[in-house]
C-alpha atoms as a PDB file:
ATOM      1  CA  MET A   1     137.014  79.171  23.195  1.00  0.00           C
ATOM      2  CA  PHE A   2     138.332  79.765  26.705  1.00  0.00           C
ATOM      3  CA  ASN A   3     140.569  82.599  25.470  1.00  0.00           C
ATOM      4  CA  ASP A   4     137.682  84.126  23.509  1.00  0.00           C
ATOM      5  CA  SER A   5     135.500  84.035  26.627  1.00  0.00           C
ATOM      6  CA  THR A   6     138.272  85.605  28.699  1.00  0.00           C
ATOM      7  CA  HIS A   7     138.811  88.413  26.191  1.00  0.00           C
ATOM      8  CA  LEU A   8     135.047  89.029  26.044  1.00  0.00           C
ATOM      9  CA  ALA A   9     134.850  89.232  29.838  1.00  0.00           C
ATOM     10  CA  ASN A  10     137.803  91.650  29.901  1.00  0.00           C
ATOM     11  CA  ASP A  11     136.226  93.811  27.192  1.00  0.00           C
ATOM     12  CA  LEU A  12     132.942  93.913  29.091  1.00  0.00           C
ATOM     13  CA  GLU A  13     134.748  94.850  32.297  1.00  0.00           C
ATOM     14  CA  VAL A  14     136.633  97.683  30.553  1.00  0.00           C
ATOM     15  CA  THR A  15     133.410  98.930  28.955  1.00  0.00           C
ATOM     16  CA  LEU A  16     131.623  98.859  32.304  1.00  0.00           C
ATOM     17  CA  MET A  17     134.466 100.684  34.038  1.00  0.00           C
ATOM     18  CA  ARG A  18     134.528 103.372  31.364  1.00  0.00           C
ATOM     19  CA  PHE A  19     130.779 103.819  31.687  1.00  0.00           C
ATOM     20  CA  LEU A  20     130.949 104.101  35.462  1.00  0.00           C
ATOM     21  CA  ILE A  21     133.817 106.596  35.257  1.00  0.00           C
ATOM     22  CA  ALA A  22     131.922 108.684  32.686  1.00  0.00           C
ATOM     23  CA  VAL A  23     128.887 108.731  34.981  1.00  0.00           C
ATOM     24  CA  LEU A  24     130.686 109.209  38.286  1.00  0.00           C
ATOM     25  CA  SER A  25     133.483 111.615  37.320  1.00  0.00           C
ATOM     26  CA  PRO A  26     131.293 114.740  36.902  1.00  0.00           C
ATOM     27  CA  PHE A  27     129.535 114.000  40.206  1.00  0.00           C
ATOM     28  CA  VAL A  28     132.841 113.446  42.029  1.00  0.00           C
ATOM     29  CA  TRP A  29     134.368 116.570  40.461  1.00  0.00           C
ATOM     30  CA  TRP A  30     131.524 118.875  41.427  1.00  0.00           C
ATOM     31  CA  SER A  31     131.284 117.346  44.897  1.00  0.00           C
ATOM     32  CA  CYS A  32     134.999 117.974  45.443  1.00  0.00           C
ATOM     33  CA  ARG A  33     134.726 121.514  44.118  1.00  0.00           C
ATOM     34  CA  LEU A  34     131.848 122.192  46.505  1.00  0.00           C
ATOM     35  CA  LEU A  35     133.319 120.487  49.577  1.00  0.00           C
ATOM     36  CA  PHE A  36     137.053 120.942  49.105  1.00  0.00           C
ATOM     37  CA  LYS A  37     137.369 123.780  46.572  1.00  0.00           C
ATOM     38  CA  ILE A  38     139.594 121.433  44.605  1.00  0.00           C
ATOM     39  CA  GLU A  39     141.942 122.967  42.011  1.00  0.00           C
ATOM     40  CA  PHE A  40     144.101 121.264  39.395  1.00  0.00           C
ATOM     41  CA  TYR A  41     147.316 122.595  37.872  1.00  0.00           C
ATOM     42  CA  GLY A  42     149.441 121.123  35.100  1.00  0.00           C
ATOM     43  CA  VAL A  43     147.011 118.392  34.032  1.00  0.00           C
ATOM     44  CA  GLU A  44     148.492 118.674  30.534  1.00  0.00           C
ATOM     45  CA  ASN A  45     151.705 117.156  31.936  1.00  0.00           C
ATOM     46  CA  ILE A  46     150.061 113.730  32.106  1.00  0.00           C
ATOM     47  CA  PRO A  47     150.990 111.956  28.834  1.00  0.00           C
ATOM     48  CA  ARG A  48     147.919 111.315  26.693  1.00  0.00           C
ATOM     49  CA  ASP A  49     149.048 107.792  25.871  1.00  0.00           C
ATOM     50  CA  GLY A  50     151.915 105.378  26.381  1.00  0.00           C
ATOM     51  CA  ALA A  51     153.347 103.891  29.546  1.00  0.00           C
ATOM     52  CA  CYS A  52     154.237 106.229  32.404  1.00  0.00           C
ATOM     53  CA  ILE A  53     154.559 106.099  36.183  1.00  0.00           C
ATOM     54  CA  ILE A  54     152.812 108.812  38.203  1.00  0.00           C
ATOM     55  CA  THR A  55     154.238 109.361  41.697  1.00  0.00           C
ATOM     56  CA  PRO A  56     152.079 111.452  44.083  1.00  0.00           C
ATOM     57  CA  ASN A  57     152.599 112.061  47.769  1.00  0.00           C
ATOM     58  CA  HIS A  58     150.121 110.037  49.823  1.00  0.00           C
ATOM     59  CA  VAL A  59     147.950 111.702  52.440  1.00  0.00           C
ATOM     60  CA  THR A  60     144.465 110.113  52.441  1.00  0.00           C
ATOM     61  CA  TYR A  61     142.529 107.090  51.238  1.00  0.00           C
ATOM     62  CA  ALA A  62     140.867 109.323  48.634  1.00  0.00           C
ATOM     63  CA  ASP A  63     144.119 110.335  46.896  1.00  0.00           C
ATOM     64  CA  PRO A  64     143.658 107.917  43.955  1.00  0.00           C
ATOM     65  CA  ILE A  65     140.198 109.323  43.278  1.00  0.00           C
ATOM     66  CA  TRP A  66     141.198 112.977  43.641  1.00  0.00           C
ATOM     67  CA  ILE A  67     144.136 112.855  41.254  1.00  0.00           C
ATOM     68  CA  THR A  68     142.105 110.966  38.619  1.00  0.00           C
ATOM     69  CA  ILE A  69     139.258 113.487  38.311  1.00  0.00           C
ATOM     70  CA  PRO A  70     140.593 115.758  35.515  1.00  0.00           C
ATOM     71  CA  ILE A  71     142.562 113.091  33.600  1.00  0.00           C
ATOM     72  CA  ARG A  72     141.013 111.811  30.392  1.00  0.00           C
ATOM     73  CA  ARG A  73     143.004 108.609  29.987  1.00  0.00           C
ATOM     74  CA  ARG A  74     142.500 105.483  32.053  1.00  0.00           C
ATOM     75  CA  LEU A  75     144.944 105.197  34.946  1.00  0.00           C
ATOM     76  CA  TYR A  76     145.732 102.255  37.190  1.00  0.00           C
ATOM     77  CA  TYR A  77     146.805 102.421  40.825  1.00  0.00           C
ATOM     78  CA  MET A  78     148.881 100.306  43.126  1.00  0.00           C
ATOM     79  CA  ALA A  79     147.170 101.053  46.441  1.00  0.00           C
ATOM     80  CA  TRP A  80     147.215  99.711  50.010  1.00  0.00           C
ATOM     81  CA  ASP A  81     144.889  96.720  50.264  1.00  0.00           C
ATOM     82  CA  LYS A  82     143.084  97.683  53.500  1.00  0.00           C
ATOM     83  CA  PRO A  83     140.963 100.558  52.092  1.00  0.00           C
ATOM     84  CA  PHE A  84     139.480  98.067  49.611  1.00  0.00           C
ATOM     85  CA  ARG A  85     137.630  96.550  52.581  1.00  0.00           C
ATOM     86  CA  ILE A  86     135.695  99.800  53.135  1.00  0.00           C
ATOM     87  CA  PRO A  87     132.445  99.156  51.184  1.00  0.00           C
ATOM     88  CA  VAL A  88     131.833 102.391  49.257  1.00  0.00           C
ATOM     89  CA  LEU A  89     135.433 103.599  49.137  1.00  0.00           C
ATOM     90  CA  GLY A  90     136.717 100.190  48.055  1.00  0.00           C
ATOM     91  CA  LEU A  91     134.245 100.046  45.173  1.00  0.00           C
ATOM     92  CA  MET A  92     135.104 103.571  44.081  1.00  0.00           C
ATOM     93  CA  MET A  93     138.819 102.768  44.133  1.00  0.00           C
ATOM     94  CA  ARG A  94     138.304  99.723  41.902  1.00  0.00           C
ATOM     95  CA  VAL A  95     136.116 101.705  39.513  1.00  0.00           C
ATOM     96  CA  PHE A  96     138.834 104.336  39.207  1.00  0.00           C
ATOM     97  CA  GLY A  97     141.474 101.715  38.410  1.00  0.00           C
ATOM     98  CA  ALA A  98     143.081 100.800  41.732  1.00  0.00           C
ATOM     99  CA  PHE A  99     144.432  97.330  42.477  1.00  0.00           C
ATOM    100  CA  PRO A 100     145.616  96.205  45.923  1.00  0.00           C
ATOM    101  CA  ILE A 101     149.125  95.720  47.259  1.00  0.00           C
ATOM    102  CA  ASN A 102     149.782  94.052  50.603  1.00  0.00           C
ATOM    103  CA  LEU A 103     152.182  96.302  52.516  1.00  0.00           C
ATOM    104  CA  ASP A 104     152.539  93.765  55.326  1.00  0.00           C
ATOM    105  CA  VAL A 105     154.834  91.596  53.208  1.00  0.00           C
ATOM    106  CA  ALA A 106     158.312  92.460  51.965  1.00  0.00           C
ATOM    107  CA  ALA A 107     157.294  92.193  48.317  1.00  0.00           C
ATOM    108  CA  ASP A 108     153.794  91.569  46.983  1.00  0.00           C
ATOM    109  CA  ALA A 109     154.588  89.482  43.896  1.00  0.00           C
ATOM    110  CA  SER A 110     151.036  89.618  42.548  1.00  0.00           C
ATOM    111  CA  ALA A 111     150.922  93.430  42.637  1.00  0.00           C
ATOM    112  CA  GLY A 112     154.398  93.579  41.094  1.00  0.00           C
ATOM    113  CA  ARG A 113     153.361  91.384  38.173  1.00  0.00           C
ATOM    114  CA  GLU A 114     150.246  93.484  37.647  1.00  0.00           C
ATOM    115  CA  ALA A 115     152.320  96.681  37.532  1.00  0.00           C
ATOM    116  CA  ILE A 116     154.800  95.248  35.013  1.00  0.00           C
ATOM    117  CA  GLU A 117     152.031  93.951  32.767  1.00  0.00           C
ATOM    118  CA  LEU A 118     150.306  97.344  32.765  1.00  0.00           C
ATOM    119  CA  LEU A 119     153.514  99.098  31.710  1.00  0.00           C
ATOM    120  CA  ARG A 120     154.090  96.547  28.956  1.00  0.00           C
ATOM    121  CA  LYS A 121     150.614  97.343  27.659  1.00  0.00           C
ATOM    122  CA  GLY A 122     151.413 101.072  27.595  1.00  0.00           C
ATOM    123  CA  ARG A 123     149.180 102.016  30.520  1.00  0.00           C
ATOM    124  CA  GLY A 124     149.502 104.851  32.985  1.00  0.00           C
ATOM    125  CA  LEU A 125     150.463 103.495  36.426  1.00  0.00           C
ATOM    126  CA  VAL A 126     150.158 105.418  39.697  1.00  0.00           C
ATOM    127  CA  MET A 127     152.504 104.390  42.502  1.00  0.00           C
ATOM    128  CA  PHE A 128     152.730 106.178  45.853  1.00  0.00           C
ATOM    129  CA  PRO A 129     156.494 106.240  46.485  1.00  0.00           C
ATOM    130  CA  GLU A 130     156.197 106.948  50.212  1.00  0.00           C
ATOM    131  CA  GLY A 131     154.893 103.391  50.561  1.00  0.00           C
ATOM    132  CA  GLY A 132     151.872 104.423  52.642  1.00  0.00           C
ATOM    133  CA  ARG A 133     149.953 107.404  53.961  1.00  0.00           C
ATOM    134  CA  THR A 134     151.810 109.988  55.977  1.00  0.00           C
ATOM    135  CA  LYS A 135     150.745 109.878  59.611  1.00  0.00           C
ATOM    136  CA  THR A 136     152.103 113.328  60.450  1.00  0.00           C
ATOM    137  CA  GLY A 137     150.942 115.318  57.422  1.00  0.00           C
ATOM    138  CA  LYS A 138     154.580 115.749  56.384  1.00  0.00           C
ATOM    139  CA  LEU A 139     156.106 114.435  53.168  1.00  0.00           C
ATOM    140  CA  MET A 140     157.878 111.147  53.865  1.00  0.00           C
ATOM    141  CA  PRO A 141     160.999 109.660  52.239  1.00  0.00           C
ATOM    142  CA  PHE A 142     160.508 108.037  48.848  1.00  0.00           C
ATOM    143  CA  LYS A 143     161.155 104.348  48.409  1.00  0.00           C
ATOM    144  CA  MET A 144     162.828 103.398  45.167  1.00  0.00           C
ATOM    145  CA  GLY A 145     160.540 100.691  43.777  1.00  0.00           C
ATOM    146  CA  ALA A 146     158.655 102.962  41.376  1.00  0.00           C
ATOM    147  CA  PHE A 147     161.877 104.490  40.099  1.00  0.00           C
ATOM    148  CA  ARG A 148     163.623 101.181  39.541  1.00  0.00           C
ATOM    149  CA  LEU A 149     160.572 100.114  37.563  1.00  0.00           C
ATOM    150  CA  ALA A 150     160.768 103.300  35.468  1.00  0.00           C
ATOM    151  CA  LEU A 151     164.434 102.662  34.704  1.00  0.00           C
ATOM    152  CA  VAL A 152     163.974  98.989  33.825  1.00  0.00           C
ATOM    153  CA  HIS A 153     161.115  99.786  31.424  1.00  0.00           C
ATOM    154  CA  GLY A 154     162.330 103.191  30.241  1.00  0.00           C
ATOM    155  CA  VAL A 155     159.121 105.069  30.999  1.00  0.00           C
ATOM    156  CA  PRO A 156     158.680 108.696  32.137  1.00  0.00           C
ATOM    157  CA  VAL A 157     157.931 109.606  35.749  1.00  0.00           C
ATOM    158  CA  VAL A 158     155.328 112.278  36.511  1.00  0.00           C
ATOM    159  CA  PRO A 159     155.520 113.612  40.102  1.00  0.00           C
ATOM    160  CA  VAL A 160     152.235 114.892  41.562  1.00  0.00           C
ATOM    161  CA  THR A 161     151.723 117.047  44.645  1.00  0.00           C
ATOM    162  CA  ILE A 162     148.570 116.745  46.755  1.00  0.00           C
ATOM    163  CA  LYS A 163     148.351 119.832  48.950  1.00  0.00           C
ATOM    164  CA  GLY A 164     145.827 120.465  51.714  1.00  0.00           C
ATOM    165  CA  ALA A 165     144.613 116.898  52.149  1.00  0.00           C
ATOM    166  CA  GLU A 166     146.298 116.568  55.546  1.00  0.00           C
ATOM    167  CA  THR A 167     143.838 119.088  57.030  1.00  0.00           C
ATOM    168  CA  ILE A 168     140.817 117.744  55.132  1.00  0.00           C
ATOM    169  CA  TRP A 169     141.226 114.123  56.169  1.00  0.00           C
ATOM    170  CA  PRO A 170     143.921 113.666  58.832  1.00  0.00           C
ATOM    171  CA  VAL A 171     144.863 110.234  60.094  1.00  0.00           C
ATOM    172  CA  GLY A 172     142.410 109.029  62.753  1.00  0.00           C
ATOM    173  CA  GLN A 173     139.460 111.034  61.466  1.00  0.00           C
ATOM    174  CA  ILE A 174     136.600 108.886  60.170  1.00  0.00           C
ATOM    175  CA  PHE A 175     135.182 111.317  57.608  1.00  0.00           C
ATOM    176  CA  PRO A 176     136.776 114.186  55.662  1.00  0.00           C
ATOM    177  CA  ARG A 177     135.944 117.769  56.533  1.00  0.00           C
ATOM    178  CA  LEU A 178     135.643 120.942  54.478  1.00  0.00           C
ATOM    179  CA  GLY A 179     138.854 122.484  53.231  1.00  0.00           C
ATOM    180  CA  LYS A 180     140.906 123.541  50.228  1.00  0.00           C
ATOM    181  CA  LEU A 181     142.654 120.987  48.046  1.00  0.00           C
ATOM    182  CA  LYS A 182     145.242 121.655  45.347  1.00  0.00           C
ATOM    183  CA  ILE A 183     146.610 119.026  42.966  1.00  0.00           C
ATOM    184  CA  THR A 184     149.725 119.864  40.916  1.00  0.00           C
ATOM    185  CA  TYR A 185     150.904 117.636  38.047  1.00  0.00           C
ATOM    186  CA  HIS A 186     154.583 118.365  37.472  1.00  0.00           C
ATOM    187  CA  PRO A 187     156.386 118.076  34.104  1.00  0.00           C
ATOM    188  CA  PRO A 188     157.398 114.497  33.262  1.00  0.00           C
ATOM    189  CA  ILE A 189     160.909 113.327  34.053  1.00  0.00           C
ATOM    190  CA  GLU A 190     162.129 111.510  30.962  1.00  0.00           C
ATOM    191  CA  VAL A 191     163.789 108.207  31.837  1.00  0.00           C
ATOM    192  CA  GLU A 192     166.111 106.238  29.563  1.00  0.00           C
ATOM    193  CA  HIS A 193     165.913 102.457  29.499  1.00  0.00           C
ATOM    194  CA  ILE A 194     168.879 101.046  31.398  1.00  0.00           C
ATOM    195  CA  ASP A 195     171.292  98.750  29.581  1.00  0.00           C
ATOM    196  CA  GLU A 196     170.831  95.041  30.149  1.00  0.00           C
ATOM    197  CA  GLY A 197     174.341  94.847  31.586  1.00  0.00           C
ATOM    198  CA  THR A 198     173.649  97.411  34.321  1.00  0.00           C
ATOM    199  CA  ASN A 199     174.603  95.934  37.690  1.00  0.00           C
ATOM    200  CA  ARG A 200     172.438  96.135  40.784  1.00  0.00           C
ATOM    201  CA  ALA A 201     174.546  98.791  42.503  1.00  0.00           C
ATOM    202  CA  GLU A 202     174.361 101.133  39.509  1.00  0.00           C
ATOM    203  CA  LEU A 203     170.610 100.567  39.127  1.00  0.00           C
ATOM    204  CA  LYS A 204     170.160 101.379  42.821  1.00  0.00           C
ATOM    205  CA  GLU A 205     172.163 104.598  42.516  1.00  0.00           C
ATOM    206  CA  ARG A 206     170.285 105.747  39.422  1.00  0.00           C
ATOM    207  CA  ALA A 207     166.960 104.955  41.095  1.00  0.00           C
ATOM    208  CA  ARG A 208     168.097 106.955  44.130  1.00  0.00           C
ATOM    209  CA  ARG A 209     168.864 110.008  41.996  1.00  0.00           C
ATOM    210  CA  LEU A 210     165.564 109.711  40.149  1.00  0.00           C
ATOM    211  CA  ALA A 211     163.664 109.376  43.437  1.00  0.00           C
ATOM    212  CA  ARG A 212     165.455 112.440  44.820  1.00  0.00           C
ATOM    213  CA  LYS A 213     164.457 114.491  41.784  1.00  0.00           C
ATOM    214  CA  ALA A 214     160.819 113.403  42.010  1.00  0.00           C
ATOM    215  CA  HIS A 215     160.776 114.033  45.774  1.00  0.00           C
ATOM    216  CA  ASP A 216     162.110 117.579  45.284  1.00  0.00           C
ATOM    217  CA  MET A 217     159.473 118.316  42.642  1.00  0.00           C
ATOM    218  CA  VAL A 218     156.653 117.110  44.898  1.00  0.00           C
ATOM    219  CA  ALA A 219     158.076 119.098  47.832  1.00  0.00           C
ATOM    220  CA  SER A 220     158.280 122.284  45.728  1.00  0.00           C
ATOM    221  CA  ALA A 221     154.469 122.657  45.745  1.00  0.00           C
ATOM    222  CA  LEU A 222     153.946 121.983  49.457  1.00  0.00           C
ATOM    223  CA  GLU A 223     153.791 124.404  52.365  1.00  0.00           C
ATOM    224  CA  PRO A 224     156.924 124.452  54.582  1.00  0.00           C
ATOM    225  CA  ALA A 225     154.897 122.890  57.402  1.00  0.00           C
ATOM    226  CA  SER A 226     154.340 119.797  55.241  1.00  0.00           C
ATOM    227  CA  LEU A 227     158.027 119.274  54.501  1.00  0.00           C
ATOM    228  CA  PRO A 228     160.148 116.813  56.490  1.00  0.00           C
ATOM    229  CA  GLU A 229     162.528 118.219  59.059  1.00  0.00           C
ATOM    230  CA  GLY A 230     166.059 118.561  57.742  1.00  0.00           C
ATOM    231  CA  GLU A 231     164.798 118.758  54.169  1.00  0.00           C
ATOM    232  CA  GLY A 232     168.295 119.565  52.991  1.00  0.00           C
ATOM    233  CA  GLN A 233     169.317 116.028  53.906  1.00  0.00           C
ATOM    234  CA  SER A 234     168.656 112.987  51.742  1.00  0.00           C
ATOM    235  CA  ALA A 235     165.074 111.783  52.006  1.00  0.00           C
ATOM    236  CA  ILE A 236     165.407 108.657  49.936  1.00  0.00           C
ATOM    237  CA  LEU A 237     165.223 105.257  51.540  1.00  0.00           C
ATOM    238  CA  ASN A 238     167.659 102.474  50.776  1.00  0.00           C
ATOM    239  CA  SER A 239     164.827  99.956  50.664  1.00  0.00           C
ATOM    240  CA  GLY A 240     164.918  97.146  48.137  1.00  0.00           C
END
């Protein structure tokens, strides 16, 4: 009976979320078109079903909402826990599928388990590989967590570029301002499931190469002013 009650509660939650998204999405879309002249390119590159990891650059608290607007399938987000404390924004993030990760600890085990379970269920998972918002408006190095996860589970990676957000809502500004926003969904990078016997060093190297490829794709749709200095050098962190 307990399991039946749990499944019923989960079904009701999913139904409620879908209803809220159906109601809110048109309003959010038209508001963003009016305020930010938002444009979307390559939306068809998001797989219609099956597990995948979507890796956008991270500029503002609203990034999870912006990149969700034109996508028909339900997506889930691993996002910094602090914005969830902002009343309206936190609610909107949860409605649009975000779940919190504590960036103040070396590894948030709860968020990690949630991410793995979502991939096992064939969900679309959004992970911001920079590990946090850029404070300078420039693209930051990519950490390798999302790419190790893609290799371990053999799921495609879809890089996404958010362009223009750094002028709309720069760090330190309380509210966003008018501007032009462009979201580009790049073609998926197909990822083969690694062999069980793969050692840690090889996994790390393959994750590094995958992160470099995703980073280059995201960078390709940004203005030069948003690229890190010395872009020709490696921009992948050795974290984890």
